[in-house]
Amino acid sequence: MPIYAFTPSEAIARQVSALYGVQSMIAAQLTSSDEMMAMMDKTLVARGVAKPGEMVIFLAGQPIGKPGSTNTMILHKVAG
C-alpha cells in the first residue's frame, strides 16, 4: 500500500522520502486535524491516488506541530 506523508517542512519531507515506499508532499501548516484531513482528501483525489469513498488511515499528533507527538490514528473515508 502506498504511504503519503504530508508535512510543511522541506527537511522532514526529504527525511521521510528516504524511507522505502513513502512519498512526501509539502503542505501548508494547518491548525486542526479536520483541516489536515480535508487538505489530504483534496490532494490525494487531485493527484489521482485516491477516489472519494475510499478508506485511508490518517496519522497525526496532538498537539499539532509538536515533534514526536504522533498519538492519533483515524480510519477515514475520503471525501469528494
N, C-alpha and C. Protein backbone atom coordinates (compact mmCIF):
# COMPACT_ATOMS: atom_id res chain seq x y z
N MET A 1 0.85 -1.18 0.00
CA MET A 1 0.00 0.00 0.00
C MET A 1 0.89 1.24 0.00
N PRO A 2 0.52 2.24 -0.76
CA PRO A 2 1.31 3.47 -0.78
C PRO A 2 1.16 4.23 0.53
N ILE A 3 2.21 4.94 0.89
CA ILE A 3 2.21 5.78 2.09
C ILE A 3 2.55 7.20 1.64
N TYR A 4 1.70 8.16 2.02
CA TYR A 4 1.92 9.56 1.69
C TYR A 4 2.10 10.33 2.99
N ALA A 5 3.17 11.08 3.07
CA ALA A 5 3.48 11.87 4.26
C ALA A 5 3.36 13.34 3.90
N PHE A 6 2.44 14.03 4.55
CA PHE A 6 2.25 15.47 4.33
C PHE A 6 2.96 16.22 5.45
N THR A 7 3.75 17.21 5.09
CA THR A 7 4.49 18.00 6.07
C THR A 7 4.74 19.40 5.53
N PRO A 8 4.75 20.39 6.41
CA PRO A 8 5.11 21.74 5.96
C PRO A 8 6.62 21.95 5.89
N SER A 9 7.39 20.98 6.33
CA SER A 9 8.85 21.11 6.41
C SER A 9 9.54 20.39 5.26
N GLU A 10 10.33 21.14 4.49
CA GLU A 10 11.08 20.51 3.41
C GLU A 10 12.12 19.52 3.96
N ALA A 11 12.72 19.84 5.10
CA ALA A 11 13.71 18.94 5.70
C ALA A 11 13.07 17.61 6.10
N ILE A 12 11.89 17.66 6.71
CA ILE A 12 11.17 16.43 7.09
C ILE A 12 10.76 15.67 5.84
N ALA A 13 10.31 16.38 4.82
CA ALA A 13 9.90 15.73 3.57
C ALA A 13 11.07 14.94 2.98
N ARG A 14 12.26 15.52 3.00
CA ARG A 14 13.43 14.80 2.47
C ARG A 14 13.75 13.57 3.33
N GLN A 15 13.63 13.71 4.64
CA GLN A 15 13.92 12.58 5.53
C GLN A 15 12.96 11.42 5.31
N VAL A 16 11.66 11.70 5.25
CA VAL A 16 10.71 10.60 5.10
C VAL A 16 10.73 10.00 3.71
N SER A 17 11.15 10.80 2.71
CA SER A 17 11.27 10.26 1.35
C SER A 17 12.34 9.18 1.26
N ALA A 18 13.27 9.19 2.20
CA ALA A 18 14.32 8.17 2.22
C ALA A 18 13.79 6.82 2.72
N LEU A 19 12.62 6.82 3.32
CA LEU A 19 12.02 5.57 3.80
C LEU A 19 11.39 4.84 2.63
N TYR A 20 11.58 3.55 2.56
CA TYR A 20 11.06 2.74 1.45
C TYR A 20 9.55 2.87 1.35
N GLY A 21 9.08 3.25 0.17
CA GLY A 21 7.65 3.29 -0.10
C GLY A 21 6.93 4.54 0.35
N VAL A 22 7.63 5.52 0.91
CA VAL A 22 6.97 6.73 1.40
C VAL A 22 7.17 7.85 0.39
N GLN A 23 6.07 8.49 0.01
CA GLN A 23 6.12 9.66 -0.85
C GLN A 23 5.75 10.86 0.00
N SER A 24 6.64 11.84 0.07
CA SER A 24 6.34 13.03 0.88
C SER A 24 5.75 14.12 0.01
N MET A 25 4.93 14.94 0.65
CA MET A 25 4.29 16.06 -0.03
C MET A 25 4.35 17.26 0.90
N ILE A 26 4.81 18.39 0.36
CA ILE A 26 4.85 19.62 1.14
C ILE A 26 3.42 20.16 1.23
N ALA A 27 3.00 20.52 2.44
CA ALA A 27 1.66 21.03 2.67
C ALA A 27 1.74 22.24 3.59
N ALA A 28 0.72 23.05 3.55
CA ALA A 28 0.65 24.22 4.43
C ALA A 28 0.56 23.77 5.89
N GLN A 29 1.07 24.60 6.79
CA GLN A 29 0.93 24.34 8.23
C GLN A 29 -0.53 24.59 8.59
N LEU A 30 -1.21 23.57 9.08
CA LEU A 30 -2.62 23.69 9.43
C LEU A 30 -2.78 23.59 10.94
N THR A 31 -3.97 23.96 11.44
CA THR A 31 -4.14 24.06 12.88
C THR A 31 -5.10 23.03 13.49
N SER A 32 -5.71 22.19 12.64
CA SER A 32 -6.62 21.18 13.19
C SER A 32 -6.57 19.91 12.36
N SER A 33 -6.94 18.82 12.98
CA SER A 33 -7.00 17.54 12.28
C SER A 33 -8.03 17.58 11.16
N ASP A 34 -9.14 18.28 11.38
CA ASP A 34 -10.17 18.40 10.34
C ASP A 34 -9.62 19.11 9.11
N GLU A 35 -8.84 20.20 9.32
CA GLU A 35 -8.23 20.89 8.19
C GLU A 35 -7.24 19.98 7.47
N MET A 36 -6.47 19.21 8.24
CA MET A 36 -5.48 18.31 7.64
C MET A 36 -6.16 17.24 6.80
N MET A 37 -7.25 16.64 7.31
CA MET A 37 -7.93 15.60 6.55
C MET A 37 -8.57 16.17 5.28
N ALA A 38 -9.13 17.37 5.35
CA ALA A 38 -9.73 17.99 4.16
C ALA A 38 -8.66 18.26 3.11
N MET A 39 -7.49 18.76 3.54
CA MET A 39 -6.39 19.02 2.60
C MET A 39 -5.88 17.71 2.01
N MET A 40 -5.77 16.67 2.85
CA MET A 40 -5.31 15.37 2.38
C MET A 40 -6.27 14.81 1.34
N ASP A 41 -7.57 14.87 1.62
CA ASP A 41 -8.58 14.38 0.66
C ASP A 41 -8.43 15.09 -0.68
N LYS A 42 -8.40 16.42 -0.64
CA LYS A 42 -8.32 17.22 -1.86
C LYS A 42 -7.06 16.88 -2.65
N THR A 43 -5.94 16.76 -1.97
CA THR A 43 -4.66 16.49 -2.64
C THR A 43 -4.63 15.09 -3.23
N LEU A 44 -5.04 14.08 -2.46
CA LEU A 44 -5.00 12.70 -2.95
C LEU A 44 -5.95 12.50 -4.13
N VAL A 45 -7.13 13.10 -4.08
CA VAL A 45 -8.08 12.98 -5.20
C VAL A 45 -7.55 13.73 -6.42
N ALA A 46 -7.02 14.93 -6.22
CA ALA A 46 -6.49 15.72 -7.34
C ALA A 46 -5.33 15.01 -8.03
N ARG A 47 -4.52 14.30 -7.27
CA ARG A 47 -3.38 13.59 -7.86
C ARG A 47 -3.76 12.21 -8.40
N GLY A 48 -5.01 11.82 -8.20
CA GLY A 48 -5.48 10.56 -8.74
C GLY A 48 -5.02 9.33 -7.98
N VAL A 49 -4.61 9.51 -6.75
CA VAL A 49 -4.13 8.35 -5.97
C VAL A 49 -5.19 7.82 -5.01
N ALA A 50 -6.30 8.54 -4.88
CA ALA A 50 -7.43 8.08 -4.07
C ALA A 50 -8.70 8.59 -4.71
N LYS A 51 -9.78 7.86 -4.47
CA LYS A 51 -11.08 8.24 -5.00
C LYS A 51 -12.01 8.52 -3.83
N PRO A 52 -12.97 9.42 -4.03
CA PRO A 52 -13.96 9.66 -2.97
C PRO A 52 -14.60 8.34 -2.55
N GLY A 53 -14.74 8.17 -1.25
CA GLY A 53 -15.33 6.96 -0.70
C GLY A 53 -14.33 5.90 -0.30
N GLU A 54 -13.09 6.00 -0.77
CA GLU A 54 -12.06 5.04 -0.36
C GLU A 54 -11.66 5.31 1.09
N MET A 55 -11.21 4.26 1.74
CA MET A 55 -10.78 4.37 3.13
C MET A 55 -9.26 4.54 3.18
N VAL A 56 -8.81 5.46 4.04
CA VAL A 56 -7.39 5.69 4.27
C VAL A 56 -7.16 5.74 5.78
N ILE A 57 -5.93 5.58 6.17
CA ILE A 57 -5.57 5.73 7.58
C ILE A 57 -4.83 7.05 7.73
N PHE A 58 -5.30 7.87 8.65
CA PHE A 58 -4.75 9.19 8.91
C PHE A 58 -4.02 9.14 10.25
N LEU A 59 -2.75 9.52 10.25
CA LEU A 59 -1.95 9.59 11.48
C LEU A 59 -1.54 11.03 11.73
N ALA A 60 -1.63 11.46 12.96
CA ALA A 60 -1.21 12.82 13.31
C ALA A 60 -0.90 12.87 14.79
N GLY A 61 -0.41 14.01 15.21
CA GLY A 61 -0.10 14.20 16.62
C GLY A 61 -0.89 15.35 17.20
N GLN A 62 -1.20 15.22 18.45
CA GLN A 62 -1.86 16.28 19.21
C GLN A 62 -0.98 16.58 20.41
N PRO A 63 -0.57 17.78 20.64
CA PRO A 63 -0.95 18.98 19.92
C PRO A 63 -0.25 19.05 18.56
N ILE A 64 -0.91 19.67 17.61
CA ILE A 64 -0.41 19.78 16.24
C ILE A 64 0.87 20.61 16.24
N GLY A 65 1.84 20.14 15.49
CA GLY A 65 3.10 20.85 15.35
C GLY A 65 4.17 20.50 16.36
N LYS A 66 3.83 19.65 17.33
CA LYS A 66 4.81 19.24 18.33
C LYS A 66 5.51 17.99 17.84
N PRO A 67 6.81 18.07 17.55
CA PRO A 67 7.55 16.89 17.05
C PRO A 67 7.47 15.71 18.03
N GLY A 68 7.32 14.52 17.47
CA GLY A 68 7.31 13.31 18.29
C GLY A 68 6.01 13.06 19.02
N SER A 69 4.93 13.74 18.62
CA SER A 69 3.67 13.59 19.36
C SER A 69 2.62 12.77 18.61
N THR A 70 3.04 11.91 17.68
CA THR A 70 2.06 11.12 16.92
C THR A 70 1.29 10.23 17.89
N ASN A 71 0.01 10.55 18.07
CA ASN A 71 -0.81 9.82 19.04
C ASN A 71 -2.25 9.65 18.58
N THR A 72 -2.50 9.93 17.29
CA THR A 72 -3.85 9.85 16.75
C THR A 72 -3.86 9.02 15.47
N MET A 73 -4.76 8.03 15.41
CA MET A 73 -4.94 7.26 14.18
C MET A 73 -6.44 7.18 13.91
N ILE A 74 -6.81 7.58 12.70
CA ILE A 74 -8.24 7.63 12.33
C ILE A 74 -8.42 6.88 11.02
N LEU A 75 -9.38 5.95 10.99
CA LEU A 75 -9.79 5.32 9.74
C LEU A 75 -10.76 6.32 9.10
N HIS A 76 -10.40 6.82 7.92
CA HIS A 76 -11.08 7.98 7.33
C HIS A 76 -11.56 7.65 5.92
N LYS A 77 -12.79 8.05 5.61
CA LYS A 77 -13.33 7.89 4.26
C LYS A 77 -13.04 9.17 3.47
N VAL A 78 -12.37 9.02 2.33
CA VAL A 78 -12.00 10.17 1.50
C VAL A 78 -13.26 10.88 1.00
N ALA A 79 -13.29 12.19 1.21
CA ALA A 79 -14.43 12.99 0.76
C ALA A 79 -14.23 13.39 -0.70
N GLY A 80 -15.27 13.68 -1.36
CA GLY A 80 -15.19 14.07 -2.77
C GLY A 80 -15.61 15.43 -2.92
